[in-house]
């Protein structure tokens, strides 16, 4: 019983370390991909049947290591706790460019 408990604790700690390591690797990959140094923001009104993944597919720029990284930033920027978004909801979307893009 003690061995099983000790094994569970060790596996839990390894899992936490792995999560932090992967998150740090995403940040490093993201930083190394920077093409345009300036980050801008634009507003976007959620359309019918939009998902955060759809939005990432349309608006993510090469500076983001993955759509997952872009979605994570959109969620943080908009204080979203869940992946669910609703038609008509206003979102602030980040993007990188040399200068602001009109109608992005």
PDB file of N, CA and C in Angstrom:
ATOM      1  N   UNK A   1       0.823  -1.189   0.000  1.00  0.00           N
ATOM      2  CA  UNK A   1       0.000   0.000   0.000  1.00  0.00           C
ATOM      3  C   UNK A   1       0.871   1.258   0.000  1.00  0.00           C
ATOM      4  N   UNK A   2       1.938   1.239   0.838  1.00  0.00           N
ATOM      5  CA  UNK A   2       2.834   2.390   0.886  1.00  0.00           C
ATOM      6  C   UNK A   2       3.559   2.570  -0.439  1.00  0.00           C
ATOM      7  N   UNK A   3       3.952   1.450  -1.048  1.00  0.00           N
ATOM      8  CA  UNK A   3       4.638   1.525  -2.339  1.00  0.00           C
ATOM      9  C   UNK A   3       3.716   2.122  -3.404  1.00  0.00           C
ATOM     10  N   UNK A   4       2.459   1.729  -3.381  1.00  0.00           N
ATOM     11  CA  UNK A   4       1.492   2.238  -4.348  1.00  0.00           C
ATOM     12  C   UNK A   4       1.277   3.740  -4.158  1.00  0.00           C
ATOM     13  N   UNK A   5       1.170   4.177  -2.919  1.00  0.00           N
ATOM     14  CA  UNK A   5       1.006   5.599  -2.622  1.00  0.00           C
ATOM     15  C   UNK A   5       2.239   6.384  -3.059  1.00  0.00           C
ATOM     16  N   UNK A   6       3.413   5.861  -2.753  1.00  0.00           N
ATOM     17  CA  UNK A   6       4.660   6.529  -3.138  1.00  0.00           C
ATOM     18  C   UNK A   6       4.772   6.608  -4.660  1.00  0.00           C
ATOM     19  N   UNK A   7       4.385   5.543  -5.349  1.00  0.00           N
ATOM     20  CA  UNK A   7       4.432   5.525  -6.810  1.00  0.00           C
ATOM     21  C   UNK A   7       3.474   6.574  -7.381  1.00  0.00           C
ATOM     22  N   UNK A   8       2.284   6.692  -6.798  1.00  0.00           N
ATOM     23  CA  UNK A   8       1.299   7.677  -7.263  1.00  0.00           C
ATOM     24  C   UNK A   8       1.825   9.094  -7.063  1.00  0.00           C
ATOM     25  N   UNK A   9       2.463   9.367  -5.942  1.00  0.00           N
ATOM     26  CA  UNK A   9       3.030  10.692  -5.669  1.00  0.00           C
ATOM     27  C   UNK A   9       4.135  11.012  -6.666  1.00  0.00           C
ATOM     28  N   UNK A  10       5.012  10.064  -6.898  1.00  0.00           N
ATOM     29  CA  UNK A  10       6.121  10.277  -7.844  1.00  0.00           C
ATOM     30  C   UNK A  10       5.584  10.520  -9.257  1.00  0.00           C
ATOM     31  N   UNK A  11       4.617   9.724  -9.685  1.00  0.00           N
ATOM     32  CA  UNK A  11       4.030   9.916 -11.015  1.00  0.00           C
ATOM     33  C   UNK A  11       3.331  11.269 -11.121  1.00  0.00           C
ATOM     34  N   UNK A  12       2.668  11.681 -10.057  1.00  0.00           N
ATOM     35  CA  UNK A  12       2.015  12.991 -10.046  1.00  0.00           C
ATOM     36  C   UNK A  12       3.021  14.116 -10.188  1.00  0.00           C
ATOM     37  N   UNK A  13       4.122  14.032  -9.448  1.00  0.00           N
ATOM     38  CA  UNK A  13       5.168  15.054  -9.538  1.00  0.00           C
ATOM     39  C   UNK A  13       5.804  15.078 -10.926  1.00  0.00           C
ATOM     40  N   UNK A  14       6.058  13.907 -11.484  1.00  0.00           N
ATOM     41  CA  UNK A  14       6.609  13.845 -12.841  1.00  0.00           C
ATOM     42  C   UNK A  14       5.647  14.463 -13.853  1.00  0.00           C
ATOM     43  N   UNK A  15       4.357  14.232 -13.664  1.00  0.00           N
ATOM     44  CA  UNK A  15       3.353  14.825 -14.553  1.00  0.00           C
ATOM     45  C   UNK A  15       3.363  16.338 -14.489  1.00  0.00           C
ATOM     46  N   UNK A  16       3.451  16.890 -13.279  1.00  0.00           N
ATOM     47  CA  UNK A  16       3.501  18.348 -13.110  1.00  0.00           C
ATOM     48  C   UNK A  16       4.755  18.914 -13.763  1.00  0.00           C
ATOM     49  N   UNK A  17       5.890  18.270 -13.542  1.00  0.00           N
ATOM     50  CA  UNK A  17       7.149  18.730 -14.148  1.00  0.00           C
ATOM     51  C   UNK A  17       7.047  18.691 -15.671  1.00  0.00           C
ATOM     52  N   UNK A  18       6.468  17.631 -16.214  1.00  0.00           N
ATOM     53  CA  UNK A  18       6.321  17.500 -17.664  1.00  0.00           C
ATOM     54  C   UNK A  18       5.437  18.611 -18.226  1.00  0.00           C
ATOM     55  N   UNK A  19       4.344  18.917 -17.551  1.00  0.00           N
ATOM     56  CA  UNK A  19       3.447  19.981 -18.014  1.00  0.00           C
ATOM     57  C   UNK A  19       4.176  21.314 -18.060  1.00  0.00           C
ATOM     58  N   UNK A  20       4.918  21.652 -17.001  1.00  0.00           N
ATOM     59  CA  UNK A  20       5.654  22.917 -16.984  1.00  0.00           C
ATOM     60  C   UNK A  20       6.731  22.939 -18.065  1.00  0.00           C
ATOM     61  N   UNK A  21       7.377  21.818 -18.275  1.00  0.00           N
ATOM     62  CA  UNK A  21       8.426  21.744 -19.297  1.00  0.00           C
ATOM     63  C   UNK A  21       7.840  21.951 -20.697  1.00  0.00           C
ATOM     64  N   UNK A  22       6.710  21.311 -20.995  1.00  0.00           N
ATOM     65  CA  UNK A  22       6.081  21.456 -22.308  1.00  0.00           C
ATOM     66  C   UNK A  22       5.591  22.873 -22.534  1.00  0.00           C
ATOM     67  N   UNK A  23       5.037  23.500 -21.488  1.00  0.00           N
ATOM     68  CA  UNK A  23       4.572  24.880 -21.610  1.00  0.00           C
ATOM     69  C   UNK A  23       5.745  25.808 -21.894  1.00  0.00           C
ATOM     70  N   UNK A  24       6.870  25.600 -21.223  1.00  0.00           N
ATOM     71  CA  UNK A  24       8.064  26.418 -21.454  1.00  0.00           C
ATOM     72  C   UNK A  24       8.596  26.196 -22.865  1.00  0.00           C
ATOM     73  N   UNK A  25       8.529  24.968 -23.362  1.00  0.00           N
ATOM     74  CA  UNK A  25       8.995  24.680 -24.721  1.00  0.00           C
ATOM     75  C   UNK A  25       8.130  25.394 -25.750  1.00  0.00           C
ATOM     76  N   UNK A  26       6.820  25.488 -25.507  1.00  0.00           N
ATOM     77  CA  UNK A  26       5.935  26.214 -26.417  1.00  0.00           C
ATOM     78  C   UNK A  26       6.308  27.679 -26.467  1.00  0.00           C
ATOM     79  N   UNK A  27       6.602  28.266 -25.304  1.00  0.00           N
ATOM     80  CA  UNK A  27       6.985  29.675 -25.250  1.00  0.00           C
ATOM     81  C   UNK A  27       8.277  29.896 -26.018  1.00  0.00           C
ATOM     82  N   UNK A  28       9.269  29.022 -25.829  1.00  0.00           N
ATOM     83  CA  UNK A  28      10.538  29.155 -26.546  1.00  0.00           C
ATOM     84  C   UNK A  28      10.326  29.011 -28.049  1.00  0.00           C
ATOM     85  N   UNK A  29       9.526  28.049 -28.461  1.00  0.00           N
ATOM     86  CA  UNK A  29       9.255  27.864 -29.888  1.00  0.00           C
ATOM     87  C   UNK A  29       8.536  29.083 -30.439  1.00  0.00           C
ATOM     88  N   UNK A  30       7.603  29.602 -29.671  1.00  0.00           N
ATOM     89  CA  UNK A  30       6.862  30.788 -30.081  1.00  0.00           C
ATOM     90  C   UNK A  30       7.812  31.964 -30.271  1.00  0.00           C
ATOM     91  N   UNK A  31       8.725  32.185 -29.341  1.00  0.00           N
ATOM     92  CA  UNK A  31       9.669  33.293 -29.427  1.00  0.00           C
ATOM     93  C   UNK A  31      10.601  33.144 -30.620  1.00  0.00           C
ATOM     94  N   UNK A  32      10.998  31.927 -30.949  1.00  0.00           N
ATOM     95  CA  UNK A  32      11.937  31.727 -32.050  1.00  0.00           C
ATOM     96  C   UNK A  32      11.268  31.896 -33.414  1.00  0.00           C
ATOM     97  N   UNK A  33       9.939  31.861 -33.469  1.00  0.00           N
ATOM     98  CA  UNK A  33       9.224  31.985 -34.733  1.00  0.00           C
ATOM     99  C   UNK A  33       8.831  33.420 -35.072  1.00  0.00           C
ATOM    100  N   UNK A  34       9.168  34.364 -34.229  1.00  0.00           N
ATOM    101  CA  UNK A  34       8.757  35.746 -34.458  1.00  0.00           C
ATOM    102  C   UNK A  34       9.247  36.247 -35.815  1.00  0.00           C
ATOM    103  N   UNK A  35       8.313  36.583 -36.672  1.00  0.00           N
ATOM    104  CA  UNK A  35       8.619  37.136 -37.980  1.00  0.00           C
ATOM    105  C   UNK A  35       8.446  38.648 -37.917  1.00  0.00           C
ATOM    106  N   UNK A  36       7.320  39.070 -37.394  1.00  0.00           N
ATOM    107  CA  UNK A  36       7.018  40.481 -37.208  1.00  0.00           C
ATOM    108  C   UNK A  36       7.090  40.784 -35.716  1.00  0.00           C
ATOM    109  N   UNK A  37       7.788  41.825 -35.372  1.00  0.00           N
ATOM    110  CA  UNK A  37       8.033  42.097 -33.960  1.00  0.00           C
ATOM    111  C   UNK A  37       6.874  42.784 -33.242  1.00  0.00           C
ATOM    112  N   UNK A  38       5.960  43.391 -33.965  1.00  0.00           N
ATOM    113  CA  UNK A  38       4.899  44.147 -33.302  1.00  0.00           C
ATOM    114  C   UNK A  38       3.615  43.333 -33.195  1.00  0.00           C
ATOM    115  N   UNK A  39       3.074  43.340 -31.990  1.00  0.00           N
ATOM    116  CA  UNK A  39       1.806  42.666 -31.769  1.00  0.00           C
ATOM    117  C   UNK A  39       0.705  43.724 -31.774  1.00  0.00           C
ATOM    118  N   UNK A  40      -0.355  43.417 -32.489  1.00  0.00           N
ATOM    119  CA  UNK A  40      -1.522  44.285 -32.552  1.00  0.00           C
ATOM    120  C   UNK A  40      -2.737  43.483 -32.126  1.00  0.00           C
ATOM    121  N   UNK A  41      -3.829  44.189 -31.924  1.00  0.00           N
ATOM    122  CA  UNK A  41      -5.082  43.547 -31.551  1.00  0.00           C
ATOM    123  C   UNK A  41      -6.189  44.091 -32.441  1.00  0.00           C
ATOM    124  N   UNK A  42      -7.138  43.239 -32.750  1.00  0.00           N
ATOM    125  CA  UNK A  42      -8.303  43.655 -33.526  1.00  0.00           C
ATOM    126  C   UNK A  42      -9.538  43.057 -32.872  1.00  0.00           C
ATOM    127  N   UNK A  43     -10.671  43.674 -33.111  1.00  0.00           N
ATOM    128  CA  UNK A  43     -11.913  43.135 -32.557  1.00  0.00           C
ATOM    129  C   UNK A  43     -12.560  42.205 -33.582  1.00  0.00           C
ATOM    130  N   UNK A  44     -13.298  41.246 -33.079  1.00  0.00           N
ATOM    131  CA  UNK A  44     -13.960  40.273 -33.939  1.00  0.00           C
ATOM    132  C   UNK A  44     -15.282  39.878 -33.289  1.00  0.00           C
ATOM    133  N   UNK A  45     -16.348  39.899 -34.072  1.00  0.00           N
ATOM    134  CA  UNK A  45     -17.653  39.458 -33.586  1.00  0.00           C
ATOM    135  C   UNK A  45     -17.847  38.008 -34.023  1.00  0.00           C
ATOM    136  N   UNK A  46     -18.079  37.144 -33.051  1.00  0.00           N
ATOM    137  CA  UNK A  46     -18.239  35.709 -33.311  1.00  0.00           C
ATOM    138  C   UNK A  46     -19.453  35.485 -34.214  1.00  0.00           C
ATOM    139  N   UNK A  47     -19.240  34.704 -35.262  1.00  0.00           N
ATOM    140  CA  UNK A  47     -20.304  34.378 -36.206  1.00  0.00           C
ATOM    141  C   UNK A  47     -20.924  33.032 -35.844  1.00  0.00           C
ATOM    142  N   UNK A  48     -22.059  32.743 -36.448  1.00  0.00           N
ATOM    143  CA  UNK A  48     -22.770  31.495 -36.179  1.00  0.00           C
ATOM    144  C   UNK A  48     -21.852  30.301 -36.444  1.00  0.00           C
ATOM    145  N   UNK A  49     -21.839  29.366 -35.532  1.00  0.00           N
ATOM    146  CA  UNK A  49     -21.072  28.116 -35.616  1.00  0.00           C
ATOM    147  C   UNK A  49     -19.559  28.303 -35.518  1.00  0.00           C
ATOM    148  N   UNK A  50     -19.077  29.509 -35.202  1.00  0.00           N
ATOM    149  CA  UNK A  50     -17.641  29.716 -34.991  1.00  0.00           C
ATOM    150  C   UNK A  50     -17.170  28.937 -33.771  1.00  0.00           C
ATOM    151  N   UNK A  51     -15.952  28.445 -33.841  1.00  0.00           N
ATOM    152  CA  UNK A  51     -15.274  27.875 -32.679  1.00  0.00           C
ATOM    153  C   UNK A  51     -13.938  28.596 -32.550  1.00  0.00           C
ATOM    154  N   UNK A  52     -13.304  28.472 -31.403  1.00  0.00           N
ATOM    155  CA  UNK A  52     -11.986  29.084 -31.244  1.00  0.00           C
ATOM    156  C   UNK A  52     -10.995  28.472 -32.224  1.00  0.00           C
ATOM    157  N   UNK A  53     -11.169  27.200 -32.529  1.00  0.00           N
ATOM    158  CA  UNK A  53     -10.276  26.558 -33.498  1.00  0.00           C
ATOM    159  C   UNK A  53     -10.446  27.192 -34.880  1.00  0.00           C
ATOM    160  N   UNK A  54     -11.702  27.435 -35.292  1.00  0.00           N
ATOM    161  CA  UNK A  54     -11.959  28.095 -36.582  1.00  0.00           C
ATOM    162  C   UNK A  54     -11.298  29.467 -36.626  1.00  0.00           C
ATOM    163  N   UNK A  55     -11.436  30.205 -35.540  1.00  0.00           N
ATOM    164  CA  UNK A  55     -10.861  31.551 -35.464  1.00  0.00           C
ATOM    165  C   UNK A  55      -9.342  31.472 -35.540  1.00  0.00           C
ATOM    166  N   UNK A  56      -8.752  30.507 -34.848  1.00  0.00           N
ATOM    167  CA  UNK A  56      -7.294  30.332 -34.904  1.00  0.00           C
ATOM    168  C   UNK A  56      -6.845  29.993 -36.322  1.00  0.00           C
ATOM    169  N   UNK A  57      -7.611  29.162 -37.012  1.00  0.00           N
ATOM    170  CA  UNK A  57      -7.283  28.806 -38.397  1.00  0.00           C
ATOM    171  C   UNK A  57      -7.255  30.046 -39.292  1.00  0.00           C
ATOM    172  N   UNK A  58      -8.152  30.988 -39.031  1.00  0.00           N
ATOM    173  CA  UNK A  58      -8.254  32.183 -39.878  1.00  0.00           C
ATOM    174  C   UNK A  58      -7.297  33.299 -39.483  1.00  0.00           C
ATOM    175  N   UNK A  59      -7.043  33.474 -38.178  1.00  0.00           N
ATOM    176  CA  UNK A  59      -6.353  34.676 -37.724  1.00  0.00           C
ATOM    177  C   UNK A  59      -4.963  34.456 -37.126  1.00  0.00           C
ATOM    178  N   UNK A  60      -4.604  33.225 -36.827  1.00  0.00           N
ATOM    179  CA  UNK A  60      -3.283  32.969 -36.246  1.00  0.00           C
ATOM    180  C   UNK A  60      -2.197  33.321 -37.258  1.00  0.00           C
ATOM    181  N   UNK A  61      -1.138  33.951 -36.769  1.00  0.00           N
ATOM    182  CA  UNK A  61      -0.011  34.313 -37.627  1.00  0.00           C
ATOM    183  C   UNK A  61       1.152  33.370 -37.344  1.00  0.00           C
ATOM    184  N   UNK A  62       2.162  33.331 -38.219  1.00  0.00           N
ATOM    185  CA  UNK A  62       3.260  32.363 -38.073  1.00  0.00           C
ATOM    186  C   UNK A  62       4.042  32.482 -36.759  1.00  0.00           C
ATOM    187  N   UNK A  63       3.881  33.580 -36.054  1.00  0.00           N
ATOM    188  CA  UNK A  63       4.603  33.751 -34.792  1.00  0.00           C
ATOM    189  C   UNK A  63       4.117  32.789 -33.716  1.00  0.00           C
ATOM    190  N   UNK A  64       2.941  32.238 -33.887  1.00  0.00           N
ATOM    191  CA  UNK A  64       2.402  31.283 -32.916  1.00  0.00           C
ATOM    192  C   UNK A  64       2.846  29.877 -33.304  1.00  0.00           C
ATOM    193  N   UNK A  65       3.366  29.145 -32.341  1.00  0.00           N
ATOM    194  CA  UNK A  65       3.886  27.800 -32.592  1.00  0.00           C
ATOM    195  C   UNK A  65       2.798  26.840 -33.061  1.00  0.00           C
ATOM    196  N   UNK A  66       1.561  27.098 -32.649  1.00  0.00           N
ATOM    197  CA  UNK A  66       0.456  26.218 -33.026  1.00  0.00           C
ATOM    198  C   UNK A  66      -0.860  26.955 -32.825  1.00  0.00           C
ATOM    199  N   UNK A  67      -1.932  26.373 -33.346  1.00  0.00           N
ATOM    200  CA  UNK A  67      -3.258  26.941 -33.093  1.00  0.00           C
ATOM    201  C   UNK A  67      -3.585  26.881 -31.610  1.00  0.00           C
ATOM    202  N   UNK A  68      -3.093  25.853 -30.947  1.00  0.00           N
ATOM    203  CA  UNK A  68      -3.308  25.726 -29.503  1.00  0.00           C
ATOM    204  C   UNK A  68      -2.732  26.939 -28.772  1.00  0.00           C
ATOM    205  N   UNK A  69      -1.531  27.370 -29.148  1.00  0.00           N
ATOM    206  CA  UNK A  69      -0.906  28.543 -28.520  1.00  0.00           C
ATOM    207  C   UNK A  69      -1.722  29.804 -28.788  1.00  0.00           C
ATOM    208  N   UNK A  70      -2.227  29.933 -30.002  1.00  0.00           N
ATOM    209  CA  UNK A  70      -3.040  31.100 -30.350  1.00  0.00           C
ATOM    210  C   UNK A  70      -4.334  31.100 -29.540  1.00  0.00           C
ATOM    211  N   UNK A  71      -4.997  29.958 -29.468  1.00  0.00           N
ATOM    212  CA  UNK A  71      -6.243  29.850 -28.704  1.00  0.00           C
ATOM    213  C   UNK A  71      -5.996  30.183 -27.241  1.00  0.00           C
ATOM    214  N   UNK A  72      -4.895  29.698 -26.702  1.00  0.00           N
ATOM    215  CA  UNK A  72      -4.552  29.981 -25.306  1.00  0.00           C
ATOM    216  C   UNK A  72      -4.435  31.491 -25.085  1.00  0.00           C
ATOM    217  N   UNK A  73      -3.776  32.194 -26.002  1.00  0.00           N
ATOM    218  CA  UNK A  73      -3.637  33.647 -25.854  1.00  0.00           C
ATOM    219  C   UNK A  73      -4.976  34.359 -26.023  1.00  0.00           C
ATOM    220  N   UNK A  74      -5.795  33.912 -26.972  1.00  0.00           N
ATOM    221  CA  UNK A  74      -7.123  34.510 -27.149  1.00  0.00           C
ATOM    222  C   UNK A  74      -7.945  34.335 -25.874  1.00  0.00           C
ATOM    223  N   UNK A  75      -7.877  33.152 -25.281  1.00  0.00           N
ATOM    224  CA  UNK A  75      -8.629  32.899 -24.047  1.00  0.00           C
ATOM    225  C   UNK A  75      -8.136  33.793 -22.916  1.00  0.00           C
ATOM    226  N   UNK A  76      -6.826  33.954 -22.787  1.00  0.00           N
ATOM    227  CA  UNK A  76      -6.275  34.813 -21.737  1.00  0.00           C
ATOM    228  C   UNK A  76      -6.642  36.273 -21.977  1.00  0.00           C
ATOM    229  N   UNK A  77      -6.516  36.730 -23.208  1.00  0.00           N
ATOM    230  CA  UNK A  77      -6.813  38.123 -23.548  1.00  0.00           C
ATOM    231  C   UNK A  77      -8.269  38.465 -23.269  1.00  0.00           C
ATOM    232  N   UNK A  78      -9.158  37.524 -23.529  1.00  0.00           N
ATOM    233  CA  UNK A  78     -10.594  37.762 -23.382  1.00  0.00           C
ATOM    234  C   UNK A  78     -11.162  37.224 -22.071  1.00  0.00           C
ATOM    235  N   UNK A  79     -10.286  36.777 -21.181  1.00  0.00           N
ATOM    236  CA  UNK A  79     -10.692  36.252 -19.870  1.00  0.00           C
ATOM    237  C   UNK A  79     -11.728  35.129 -20.008  1.00  0.00           C
ATOM    238  N   UNK A  80     -11.491  34.238 -20.969  1.00  0.00           N
ATOM    239  CA  UNK A  80     -12.382  33.100 -21.176  1.00  0.00           C
ATOM    240  C   UNK A  80     -11.911  31.930 -20.325  1.00  0.00           C
ATOM    241  N   UNK A  81     -12.843  31.296 -19.656  1.00  0.00           N
ATOM    242  CA  UNK A  81     -12.503  30.134 -18.834  1.00  0.00           C
ATOM    243  C   UNK A  81     -12.813  28.822 -19.556  1.00  0.00           C
ATOM    244  N   UNK A  82     -13.628  28.912 -20.607  1.00  0.00           N
ATOM    245  CA  UNK A  82     -14.038  27.717 -21.342  1.00  0.00           C
ATOM    246  C   UNK A  82     -13.857  27.957 -22.835  1.00  0.00           C
ATOM    247  N   UNK A  83     -13.823  26.894 -23.608  1.00  0.00           N
ATOM    248  CA  UNK A  83     -13.668  26.999 -25.059  1.00  0.00           C
ATOM    249  C   UNK A  83     -14.941  27.474 -25.754  1.00  0.00           C
ATOM    250  N   UNK A  84     -16.043  27.473 -25.037  1.00  0.00           N
ATOM    251  CA  UNK A  84     -17.326  27.834 -25.635  1.00  0.00           C
ATOM    252  C   UNK A  84     -17.409  29.339 -25.908  1.00  0.00           C
ATOM    253  N   UNK A  85     -17.780  29.690 -27.142  1.00  0.00           N
ATOM    254  CA  UNK A  85     -18.051  31.078 -27.510  1.00  0.00           C
ATOM    255  C   UNK A  85     -19.420  31.118 -28.170  1.00  0.00           C
ATOM    256  N   UNK A  86     -20.036  32.308 -28.173  1.00  0.00           N
ATOM    257  CA  UNK A  86     -21.401  32.424 -28.678  1.00  0.00           C
ATOM    258  C   UNK A  86     -21.482  33.422 -29.821  1.00  0.00           C
ATOM    259  N   UNK A  87     -22.398  33.172 -30.724  1.00  0.00           N
ATOM    260  CA  UNK A  87     -22.648  34.088 -31.835  1.00  0.00           C
ATOM    261  C   UNK A  87     -22.927  35.483 -31.283  1.00  0.00           C
ATOM    262  N   UNK A  88     -22.287  36.491 -31.864  1.00  0.00           N
ATOM    263  CA  UNK A  88     -22.471  37.870 -31.433  1.00  0.00           C
ATOM    264  C   UNK A  88     -21.490  38.318 -30.362  1.00  0.00           C
ATOM    265  N   UNK A  89     -20.765  37.378 -29.777  1.00  0.00           N
ATOM    266  CA  UNK A  89     -19.788  37.709 -28.734  1.00  0.00           C
ATOM    267  C   UNK A  89     -18.623  38.477 -29.355  1.00  0.00           C
ATOM    268  N   UNK A  90     -18.162  39.510 -28.660  1.00  0.00           N
ATOM    269  CA  UNK A  90     -17.039  40.317 -29.138  1.00  0.00           C
ATOM    270  C   UNK A  90     -15.745  39.771 -28.550  1.00  0.00           C
ATOM    271  N   UNK A  91     -14.790  39.480 -29.412  1.00  0.00           N
ATOM    272  CA  UNK A  91     -13.483  38.996 -28.975  1.00  0.00           C
ATOM    273  C   UNK A  91     -12.405  39.970 -29.416  1.00  0.00           C
ATOM    274  N   UNK A  92     -11.352  40.040 -28.636  1.00  0.00           N
ATOM    275  CA  UNK A  92     -10.153  40.777 -29.017  1.00  0.00           C
ATOM    276  C   UNK A  92      -9.147  39.735 -29.483  1.00  0.00           C
ATOM    277  N   UNK A  93      -8.690  39.870 -30.730  1.00  0.00           N
ATOM    278  CA  UNK A  93      -7.777  38.889 -31.313  1.00  0.00           C
ATOM    279  C   UNK A  93      -6.397  39.497 -31.519  1.00  0.00           C
ATOM    280  N   UNK A  94      -5.354  38.809 -31.058  1.00  0.00           N
ATOM    281  CA  UNK A  94      -3.988  39.288 -31.283  1.00  0.00           C
ATOM    282  C   UNK A  94      -3.480  38.857 -32.657  1.00  0.00           C
ATOM    283  N   UNK A  95      -2.579  39.637 -33.201  1.00  0.00           N
ATOM    284  CA  UNK A  95      -1.879  39.246 -34.425  1.00  0.00           C
ATOM    285  C   UNK A  95      -0.581  40.033 -34.507  1.00  0.00           C
ATOM    286  N   UNK A  96       0.372  39.510 -35.239  1.00  0.00           N
ATOM    287  CA  UNK A  96       1.656  40.176 -35.443  1.00  0.00           C
ATOM    288  C   UNK A  96       1.721  40.706 -36.868  1.00  0.00           C
ATOM    289  N   UNK A  97       2.291  41.900 -37.004  1.00  0.00           N
ATOM    290  CA  UNK A  97       2.458  42.500 -38.332  1.00  0.00           C
ATOM    291  C   UNK A  97       3.481  43.625 -38.228  1.00  0.00           C
ATOM    292  N   UNK A  98       3.978  44.053 -39.381  1.00  0.00           N
ATOM    293  CA  UNK A  98       4.897  45.190 -39.403  1.00  0.00           C
ATOM    294  C   UNK A  98       4.165  46.476 -39.049  1.00  0.00           C
ATOM    295  N   UNK A  99       2.899  46.545 -39.443  1.00  0.00           N
ATOM    296  CA  UNK A  99       2.057  47.696 -39.117  1.00  0.00           C
ATOM    297  C   UNK A  99       0.622  47.201 -39.002  1.00  0.00           C
ATOM    298  N   UNK A 100      -0.254  47.978 -38.347  1.00  0.00           N
ATOM    299  CA  UNK A 100      -1.637  47.517 -38.176  1.00  0.00           C
ATOM    300  C   UNK A 100      -2.298  47.220 -39.521  1.00  0.00           C
ATOM    301  N   UNK A 101      -3.101  46.176 -39.546  1.00  0.00           N
ATOM    302  CA  UNK A 101      -3.797  45.779 -40.763  1.00  0.00           C
ATOM    303  C   UNK A 101      -5.245  46.225 -40.646  1.00  0.00           C
ATOM    304  N   UNK A 102      -5.706  47.005 -41.604  1.00  0.00           N
ATOM    305  CA  UNK A 102      -7.086  47.469 -41.606  1.00  0.00           C
ATOM    306  C   UNK A 102      -8.008  46.320 -41.995  1.00  0.00           C
ATOM    307  N   UNK A 103      -9.057  46.115 -41.202  1.00  0.00           N
ATOM    308  CA  UNK A 103     -10.030  45.076 -41.515  1.00  0.00           C
ATOM    309  C   UNK A 103      -9.517  43.667 -41.338  1.00  0.00           C
ATOM    310  N   UNK A 104      -8.546  43.468 -40.483  1.00  0.00           N
ATOM    311  CA  UNK A 104      -7.949  42.149 -40.258  1.00  0.00           C
ATOM    312  C   UNK A 104      -8.967  41.227 -39.714  1.00  0.00           C
TER     313      UNK A 104
END
